[in-house]
Amino acid sequence: MSRAFPTLWIAACAALFAAAQAVACAAIDFSELPLPQDTRPPAVRALLAAYPDLTLSPDGAAISRDGANWLPLGTARDIGPRQALVDASPMDQFLQTYPLGSSPEALAQRAQPFFDPGRFRNTPLFAMLWFSSEAAARNSLVRVGFSGLSDGAVMVTSHRGVDCQLRAVVARLDGGSGAVQAAFRTPGGGFNWRRITGTDRLSAHSYGIAVDLNADLGGYWRWSGAAEGQVGAYDNRIPPEVIEAFEAYGFIWGGKWHHFDGMHFEYRPELILHSRIAASTR
């Protein structure tokens, strides 16, 4: 394969993203986005495909948005999930592959203790991709309503078209069943600059990239009284079509975590693409 292919592919992908965001809410369907075909590690391919404005250093060891400030990618280390939760390198974020879809097999993986794909977050990377201050995050916020599903709404960032992606989810589900509409009633919220309960780490809500739907239909592991790593089953009532619509437009679902957050959807297109790339190489 030509060495020029990855560069050409990234340029084409960047043009696609730019064209999509220039049109009023022409969202990207990450379930259909062409996958990069090269020999770089799947995690690197996924990151660059999800965020095509990132530049990979010549040695493949770091990424940058401006060509001046570089963030080392690190390696996917042989560490346990407890350490990854508090001290993840960018590559550690991909230690566990997020299971796509709503099949019994995809939903069953969360029974494994500490199976939490997406909960491992590297703070410097999130600052590079999103924001390093509350003021910057707040300045990017827009309101996205759930018209056609409920009278609810949330505040999310417009950065990288997250609001557009969420509107595409709502449009795809518009006119859905009563169960689908119920999921969007009394939403738990969107932007909220705060720390994750029991930690000193920023929540994904701080960046305006997370949405909580109806908490009555998708519970939270801490509310169950379960011990960490021993969470067990939970009564999820978020419909499969809601999960699949969010995933198509780049959001992962917290209901697939052992430490479940069944109301929570978080914009992580790199994890959606990484799952697809991993599946294509099996």
Protein backbone atom coordinates (compact mmCIF):
# COMPACT_ATOMS: atom_id res chain seq x y z
CA MET A 1 0.00 0.00 0.00
CA SER A 2 1.28 3.48 -0.86
CA ARG A 3 2.70 5.46 2.08
CA ALA A 4 0.69 8.41 0.77
CA PHE A 5 -2.63 6.65 1.32
CA PRO A 6 -3.13 7.57 5.00
CA THR A 7 -2.40 11.25 4.24
CA LEU A 8 -4.80 11.28 1.32
CA TRP A 9 -7.46 9.45 3.32
CA ILE A 10 -7.18 11.90 6.23
CA ALA A 11 -7.41 14.86 3.84
CA ALA A 12 -10.52 13.41 2.21
CA CYS A 13 -12.07 12.66 5.58
CA ALA A 14 -11.33 16.18 6.84
CA ALA A 15 -12.99 17.62 3.73
CA LEU A 16 -16.04 15.43 4.37
CA PHE A 17 -16.29 16.66 7.97
CA ALA A 18 -15.86 20.30 6.94
CA ALA A 19 -18.51 20.02 4.24
CA ALA A 20 -20.92 18.30 6.61
CA GLN A 21 -20.57 20.92 9.33
CA ALA A 22 -20.87 23.78 6.81
CA VAL A 23 -24.39 22.62 5.98
CA ALA A 24 -27.10 23.09 8.61
CA CYS A 25 -26.78 19.94 10.66
CA ALA A 26 -25.47 17.53 8.03
CA ALA A 27 -24.34 14.99 10.60
CA ILE A 28 -21.75 12.24 10.24
CA ASP A 29 -23.04 8.66 10.49
CA PHE A 30 -20.08 6.88 12.08
CA SER A 31 -21.61 3.49 11.40
CA GLU A 32 -21.17 4.21 7.68
CA LEU A 33 -18.03 6.36 7.60
CA PRO A 34 -15.36 4.62 5.48
CA LEU A 35 -12.63 3.11 7.63
CA PRO A 36 -8.95 3.96 7.07
CA GLN A 37 -7.08 1.05 5.51
CA ASP A 38 -3.48 1.21 6.69
CA THR A 39 -1.12 -0.50 9.10
CA ARG A 40 -1.19 1.96 11.99
CA PRO A 41 -2.60 0.69 15.29
CA PRO A 42 -6.42 0.58 15.31
CA ALA A 43 -6.59 3.14 18.13
CA VAL A 44 -4.50 5.64 16.18
CA ARG A 45 -6.59 5.13 13.07
CA ALA A 46 -9.77 5.62 15.08
CA LEU A 47 -8.57 8.84 16.70
CA LEU A 48 -7.49 10.42 13.43
CA ALA A 49 -10.67 9.34 11.66
CA ALA A 50 -12.89 10.70 14.43
CA TYR A 51 -10.97 14.00 14.70
CA PRO A 52 -9.35 14.65 11.31
CA ASP A 53 -7.91 18.00 12.38
CA LEU A 54 -5.40 16.12 14.54
CA THR A 55 -1.88 15.64 13.21
CA LEU A 56 0.20 12.56 13.94
CA SER A 57 3.92 13.12 14.52
CA PRO A 58 6.30 11.55 11.98
CA ASP A 59 7.29 8.86 14.47
CA GLY A 60 3.65 8.10 15.27
CA ALA A 61 4.20 8.76 18.96
CA ALA A 62 2.27 12.01 19.50
CA ILE A 63 -0.65 14.07 18.21
CA SER A 64 -1.25 17.79 17.84
CA ARG A 65 -3.96 20.21 16.77
CA ASP A 66 -1.67 23.11 15.92
CA GLY A 67 1.63 21.46 15.01
CA ALA A 68 3.31 23.16 17.95
CA ASN A 69 1.91 21.51 21.06
CA TRP A 70 2.25 17.72 21.05
CA LEU A 71 0.59 15.17 23.29
CA PRO A 72 2.36 11.82 23.65
CA LEU A 73 0.02 8.97 22.83
CA GLY A 74 1.77 6.53 25.12
CA THR A 75 1.07 2.84 24.76
CA ALA A 76 -1.79 0.53 25.66
CA ARG A 77 -0.23 -0.73 28.86
CA ASP A 78 -0.75 -4.04 30.60
CA ILE A 79 -2.55 -2.46 33.53
CA GLY A 80 -5.73 -3.21 35.39
CA PRO A 81 -8.94 -1.24 34.90
CA ARG A 82 -8.66 0.43 38.31
CA GLN A 83 -5.37 2.06 37.29
CA ALA A 84 -6.67 2.90 33.82
CA LEU A 85 -9.65 4.63 35.38
CA VAL A 86 -7.47 7.11 37.26
CA ASP A 87 -4.33 7.26 35.10
CA ALA A 88 -5.14 6.47 31.47
CA SER A 89 -2.80 7.36 28.64
CA PRO A 90 -4.51 8.24 25.35
CA MET A 91 -3.90 4.67 24.18
CA ASP A 92 -5.17 3.18 27.46
CA GLN A 93 -8.58 4.56 26.54
CA PHE A 94 -8.81 1.73 24.01
CA LEU A 95 -7.87 -1.11 26.37
CA GLN A 96 -11.44 -2.35 26.22
CA THR A 97 -13.35 -2.42 22.93
CA TYR A 98 -16.77 -0.84 23.13
CA PRO A 99 -19.41 -3.39 21.97
CA LEU A 100 -21.63 -1.95 19.26
CA GLY A 101 -25.34 -2.61 18.89
CA SER A 102 -28.04 -4.02 21.13
CA SER A 103 -27.56 -7.75 20.61
CA PRO A 104 -27.58 -10.00 23.69
CA GLU A 105 -23.84 -10.55 23.17
CA ALA A 106 -23.11 -6.82 23.16
CA LEU A 107 -25.21 -6.17 26.24
CA ALA A 108 -23.88 -9.18 28.16
CA GLN A 109 -20.27 -8.01 28.25
CA ARG A 110 -21.00 -5.55 31.05
CA ALA A 111 -21.41 -8.50 33.40
CA GLN A 112 -17.61 -8.71 33.51
CA PRO A 113 -16.32 -6.82 36.58
CA PHE A 114 -14.72 -3.51 35.58
CA PHE A 115 -15.73 -3.83 31.93
CA ASP A 116 -16.21 -0.09 31.37
CA PRO A 117 -15.17 0.88 27.81
CA GLY A 118 -15.29 4.66 27.66
CA ARG A 119 -14.82 5.37 31.35
CA PHE A 120 -11.03 5.46 30.83
CA ARG A 121 -10.37 9.09 29.88
CA ASN A 122 -7.09 10.95 29.41
CA THR A 123 -7.55 14.50 30.72
CA PRO A 124 -4.87 16.18 28.53
CA LEU A 125 -6.41 14.61 25.43
CA PHE A 126 -9.89 15.83 26.41
CA ALA A 127 -8.48 19.31 26.96
CA MET A 128 -6.93 19.17 23.46
CA LEU A 129 -10.10 17.89 21.82
CA TRP A 130 -12.57 19.98 23.83
CA PHE A 131 -11.85 22.56 26.53
CA SER A 132 -9.44 23.33 29.34
CA SER A 133 -11.68 25.81 31.14
CA GLU A 134 -15.30 26.13 32.17
CA ALA A 135 -15.57 29.51 30.46
CA ALA A 136 -14.50 28.12 27.11
CA ALA A 137 -16.95 25.25 27.41
CA ARG A 138 -19.82 27.56 28.34
CA ASN A 139 -19.11 29.85 25.40
CA SER A 140 -19.68 26.92 23.03
CA LEU A 141 -23.06 25.80 24.35
CA VAL A 142 -26.27 25.58 22.37
CA ARG A 143 -29.71 24.24 23.23
CA VAL A 144 -30.89 21.07 21.49
CA GLY A 145 -34.57 20.29 21.84
CA PHE A 146 -36.22 16.88 21.56
CA SER A 147 -39.07 18.05 19.34
CA GLY A 148 -41.08 15.12 18.04
CA LEU A 149 -40.14 13.04 21.06
CA SER A 150 -40.76 15.24 24.09
CA ASP A 151 -40.70 18.85 25.20
CA GLY A 152 -37.31 18.29 26.86
CA ALA A 153 -34.02 19.86 25.85
CA VAL A 154 -30.36 19.84 26.87
CA MET A 155 -27.38 22.14 26.52
CA VAL A 156 -24.42 20.68 24.64
CA THR A 157 -21.34 22.05 22.90
CA SER A 158 -21.38 23.14 19.29
CA HIS A 159 -17.66 22.37 19.08
CA ARG A 160 -16.93 19.63 16.55
CA GLY A 161 -20.63 19.62 15.66
CA VAL A 162 -21.77 17.73 18.75
CA ASP A 163 -25.08 19.62 18.71
CA CYS A 164 -25.52 18.61 15.07
CA GLN A 165 -24.84 14.97 15.89
CA LEU A 166 -27.40 15.04 18.71
CA ARG A 167 -30.01 16.67 16.46
CA ALA A 168 -29.45 13.84 13.98
CA VAL A 169 -30.19 11.30 16.73
CA VAL A 170 -33.43 13.10 17.57
CA ALA A 171 -34.42 13.33 13.89
CA ARG A 172 -33.76 9.63 13.36
CA LEU A 173 -36.01 8.73 16.30
CA ASP A 174 -38.72 11.31 15.56
CA GLY A 175 -42.15 9.68 15.63
CA GLY A 176 -40.82 6.64 17.45
CA SER A 177 -42.74 4.39 19.80
CA GLY A 178 -44.05 5.42 23.17
CA ALA A 179 -41.06 3.71 24.77
CA VAL A 180 -38.69 5.80 22.64
CA GLN A 181 -40.51 9.00 23.53
CA ALA A 182 -40.47 8.08 27.22
CA ALA A 183 -36.66 7.85 27.12
CA PHE A 184 -36.49 11.55 26.17
CA ARG A 185 -38.95 12.81 28.78
CA THR A 186 -37.54 14.60 31.84
CA PRO A 187 -33.93 14.41 30.62
CA GLY A 188 -31.27 14.39 33.30
CA GLY A 189 -29.31 17.11 31.54
CA GLY A 190 -26.37 17.94 29.33
CA PHE A 191 -23.59 20.39 30.14
CA ASN A 192 -22.52 20.50 33.78
CA TRP A 193 -18.97 21.50 34.72
CA ARG A 194 -18.37 19.10 37.59
CA ARG A 195 -16.23 16.30 38.94
CA ILE A 196 -17.23 12.64 38.70
CA THR A 197 -18.76 11.55 41.99
CA GLY A 198 -16.10 10.26 44.34
CA THR A 199 -13.17 11.42 42.17
CA ASP A 200 -11.22 14.55 41.22
CA ARG A 201 -11.71 13.91 37.49
CA LEU A 202 -13.94 16.03 35.28
CA SER A 203 -17.13 14.44 34.04
CA ALA A 204 -17.75 14.21 30.30
CA HIS A 205 -20.68 16.55 30.99
CA SER A 206 -18.10 19.26 31.71
CA TYR A 207 -17.15 19.36 28.04
CA GLY A 208 -20.74 19.50 26.80
CA ILE A 209 -20.40 16.13 25.07
CA ALA A 210 -22.67 14.05 27.33
CA VAL A 211 -26.44 13.75 27.62
CA ASP A 212 -28.49 12.09 30.33
CA LEU A 213 -31.95 10.89 29.29
CA ASN A 214 -34.78 9.76 31.58
CA ALA A 215 -33.12 8.54 34.79
CA ASP A 216 -36.16 6.43 35.67
CA LEU A 217 -35.51 4.21 32.64
CA GLY A 218 -31.74 3.85 32.88
CA GLY A 219 -30.29 3.67 36.36
CA TYR A 220 -26.91 4.52 37.87
CA TRP A 221 -24.77 1.98 39.67
CA ARG A 222 -24.06 4.12 42.73
CA TRP A 223 -27.80 4.51 43.35
CA SER A 224 -28.13 0.71 43.53
CA GLY A 225 -25.93 0.43 46.61
CA ALA A 226 -23.73 -2.15 44.87
CA ALA A 227 -20.06 -2.49 45.68
CA GLU A 228 -17.50 -1.37 43.10
CA GLY A 229 -16.65 -4.25 40.77
CA GLN A 230 -19.68 -6.24 41.96
CA VAL A 231 -22.52 -4.35 40.36
CA GLY A 232 -24.52 -7.16 38.80
CA ALA A 233 -27.71 -6.79 36.79
CA TYR A 234 -29.86 -3.68 36.53
CA ASP A 235 -33.30 -2.79 35.23
CA ASN A 236 -32.57 -0.97 31.99
CA ARG A 237 -35.53 0.25 29.95
CA ILE A 238 -33.77 2.35 27.32
CA PRO A 239 -35.05 0.94 23.99
CA PRO A 240 -32.55 -0.70 21.60
CA GLU A 241 -33.39 1.73 18.80
CA VAL A 242 -32.34 4.64 21.01
CA ILE A 243 -28.99 3.00 21.73
CA GLU A 244 -28.39 2.26 18.06
CA ALA A 245 -29.32 5.79 16.93
CA PHE A 246 -26.93 7.37 19.41
CA GLU A 247 -24.12 5.01 18.43
CA ALA A 248 -24.59 5.72 14.73
CA TYR A 249 -23.92 9.40 15.38
CA GLY A 250 -20.90 8.88 17.61
CA PHE A 251 -22.27 8.50 21.14
CA ILE A 252 -21.45 5.57 23.40
CA TRP A 253 -23.94 4.36 26.00
CA GLY A 254 -23.14 4.08 29.70
CA GLY A 255 -25.54 1.17 30.02
CA LYS A 256 -22.83 -1.08 28.56
CA TRP A 257 -20.55 -0.41 31.49
CA HIS A 258 -20.24 -2.78 34.42
CA HIS A 259 -20.54 0.36 36.53
CA PHE A 260 -23.66 1.24 34.60
CA ASP A 261 -24.96 4.70 33.87
CA GLY A 262 -27.99 3.73 31.86
CA MET A 263 -29.26 7.23 31.20
CA HIS A 264 -25.88 8.46 29.93
CA PHE A 265 -24.77 8.96 26.31
CA GLU A 266 -21.35 10.44 25.56
CA TYR A 267 -19.90 11.66 22.27
CA ARG A 268 -16.89 9.41 21.67
CA PRO A 269 -16.76 8.69 17.92
CA GLU A 270 -13.21 7.36 18.26
CA LEU A 271 -14.57 4.44 20.32
CA ILE A 272 -17.31 3.72 17.78
CA LEU A 273 -14.75 3.68 14.97
CA HIS A 274 -12.25 1.66 17.00
CA SER A 275 -14.89 -1.02 17.50
CA ARG A 276 -15.58 -1.14 13.77
CA ILE A 277 -11.88 -1.27 12.92
CA ALA A 278 -11.27 -4.04 15.45
CA ALA A 279 -14.15 -6.05 14.00
CA SER A 280 -12.82 -5.60 10.45
CA THR A 281 -9.43 -7.07 11.38
CA ARG A 282 -10.72 -10.25 13.03
